Amino acid sequence: MAQYDDLPIQRIIVVGLLSVAITIITVLGVQVLYFGLVGMVDANKLATSTYRESIEVLSSQSKQISLFGVDESNGRMTIPVDDAMKKMISGAAKPESNDKKSNSKEEA
């Protein structure tokens, strides 16, 4: 052990604590800067993106449901959705009129 305490312990503690505080502030500042820039880049990507793949898939699906055709693998026929809905509506209306006719015949 030394006989004389000639180390400036108070100065060492102050410099150490200041170094830790500056390091923490620097790390937090860099983090804030990073996340701010990431937010700007993401916002820019969203504003300028076109979603090419999903648009291509949607257009091919839209084209597929609007055409007549036959599936060669299982022999099923396909018709456009609008035509199918019209046929379903007209088919649903016919049984009601047939039921009315049968009821009127029974009453007579």
Protein backbone atom coordinates (compact mmCIF):
# COMPACT_ATOMS: atom_id res chain seq x y z
CA MET A 1 0.00 0.00 0.00
CA ALA A 2 1.11 3.47 -0.67
CA GLN A 3 1.96 5.71 2.17
CA TYR A 4 0.64 8.81 0.53
CA ASP A 5 -2.69 9.16 -1.20
CA ASP A 6 -1.59 11.27 -4.13
CA LEU A 7 -4.25 10.11 -6.66
CA PRO A 8 -6.98 12.65 -7.49
CA ILE A 9 -9.85 10.27 -6.76
CA GLN A 10 -12.49 12.97 -6.91
CA ARG A 11 -11.35 14.03 -10.40
CA ILE A 12 -11.26 10.39 -11.58
CA ILE A 13 -14.84 9.83 -10.39
CA VAL A 14 -16.08 13.05 -12.03
CA VAL A 15 -14.36 12.28 -15.35
CA GLY A 16 -15.68 8.68 -15.26
CA LEU A 17 -19.27 9.78 -14.57
CA LEU A 18 -19.10 12.46 -17.28
CA SER A 19 -17.77 9.89 -19.74
CA VAL A 20 -20.64 7.51 -18.95
CA ALA A 21 -23.22 10.31 -19.25
CA ILE A 22 -21.80 11.50 -22.61
CA THR A 23 -21.76 7.92 -23.90
CA ILE A 24 -25.39 7.34 -22.89
CA ILE A 25 -26.51 10.65 -24.43
CA THR A 26 -24.65 9.86 -27.65
CA VAL A 27 -26.18 6.38 -27.91
CA LEU A 28 -29.69 7.73 -27.31
CA GLY A 29 -29.15 10.54 -29.83
CA VAL A 30 -27.96 8.13 -32.51
CA GLN A 31 -30.96 5.89 -31.79
CA VAL A 32 -33.39 8.78 -32.18
CA LEU A 33 -31.70 9.83 -35.42
CA TYR A 34 -31.78 6.26 -36.77
CA PHE A 35 -35.47 5.66 -36.02
CA GLY A 36 -36.37 9.08 -37.43
CA LEU A 37 -34.60 8.29 -40.69
CA VAL A 38 -36.16 4.82 -40.85
CA GLY A 39 -39.59 6.41 -40.46
CA MET A 40 -38.88 8.84 -43.29
CA VAL A 41 -37.63 6.06 -45.58
CA ASP A 42 -40.66 3.86 -44.82
CA ALA A 43 -43.05 6.74 -45.47
CA ASN A 44 -41.30 7.46 -48.76
CA LYS A 45 -41.49 3.80 -49.78
CA LEU A 46 -45.21 3.67 -49.01
CA ALA A 47 -45.85 6.85 -50.96
CA THR A 48 -44.00 5.67 -54.06
CA SER A 49 -44.68 1.92 -54.05
CA THR A 50 -46.87 0.31 -56.68
CA TYR A 51 -47.38 -3.25 -55.38
CA ARG A 52 -46.61 -4.73 -58.80
CA GLU A 53 -46.98 -8.38 -57.79
CA SER A 54 -50.37 -7.97 -56.12
CA ILE A 55 -51.67 -5.85 -58.99
CA GLU A 56 -50.61 -8.54 -61.47
CA VAL A 57 -52.30 -11.27 -59.42
CA LEU A 58 -55.50 -9.26 -59.05
CA SER A 59 -55.65 -8.43 -62.75
CA SER A 60 -55.13 -12.07 -63.72
CA GLN A 61 -57.84 -13.17 -61.28
CA SER A 62 -60.20 -10.49 -62.56
CA LYS A 63 -59.56 -11.59 -66.12
CA GLN A 64 -60.11 -15.23 -65.16
CA ILE A 65 -63.51 -14.63 -63.54
CA SER A 66 -64.77 -12.52 -66.43
CA LEU A 67 -64.21 -15.09 -69.21
CA PHE A 68 -66.00 -18.20 -70.40
CA GLY A 69 -63.93 -21.36 -70.48
CA VAL A 70 -63.48 -25.04 -69.69
CA ASP A 71 -60.97 -26.38 -67.17
CA GLU A 72 -59.16 -29.15 -69.03
CA SER A 73 -58.02 -30.97 -65.89
CA ASN A 74 -61.50 -31.65 -64.50
CA GLY A 75 -63.87 -30.64 -67.33
CA ARG A 76 -65.65 -27.91 -65.38
CA MET A 77 -67.07 -25.00 -67.30
CA THR A 78 -66.54 -21.47 -66.07
CA ILE A 79 -68.74 -18.49 -66.76
CA PRO A 80 -68.29 -14.83 -65.79
CA VAL A 81 -69.38 -13.97 -62.27
CA ASP A 82 -71.87 -11.34 -63.47
CA ASP A 83 -73.59 -13.89 -65.70
CA ALA A 84 -73.64 -16.45 -62.89
CA MET A 85 -75.27 -13.94 -60.53
CA LYS A 86 -77.91 -13.06 -63.11
CA LYS A 87 -78.71 -16.75 -63.68
CA MET A 88 -78.93 -17.37 -59.94
CA ILE A 89 -81.31 -14.44 -59.51
CA SER A 90 -83.48 -15.48 -62.44
CA GLY A 91 -83.43 -19.10 -61.21
CA ALA A 92 -84.45 -18.02 -57.73
CA ALA A 93 -87.36 -15.98 -59.11
CA LYS A 94 -88.78 -18.86 -61.20
CA PRO A 95 -89.51 -21.35 -58.40
CA GLU A 96 -91.55 -18.72 -56.57
CA SER A 97 -93.75 -18.20 -59.63
CA ASN A 98 -94.08 -21.99 -60.02
CA ASP A 99 -95.09 -22.29 -56.37
CA LYS A 100 -97.75 -19.63 -56.88
CA LYS A 101 -99.10 -21.48 -59.91
CA SER A 102 -99.21 -24.78 -58.04
CA ASN A 103 -100.95 -23.09 -55.08
CA SER A 104 -103.52 -21.49 -57.34
CA LYS A 105 -104.19 -24.87 -59.04
CA GLU A 106 -104.66 -26.53 -55.65
CA GLU A 107 -107.10 -23.85 -54.57
CA ALA A 108 -109.17 -24.27 -57.72
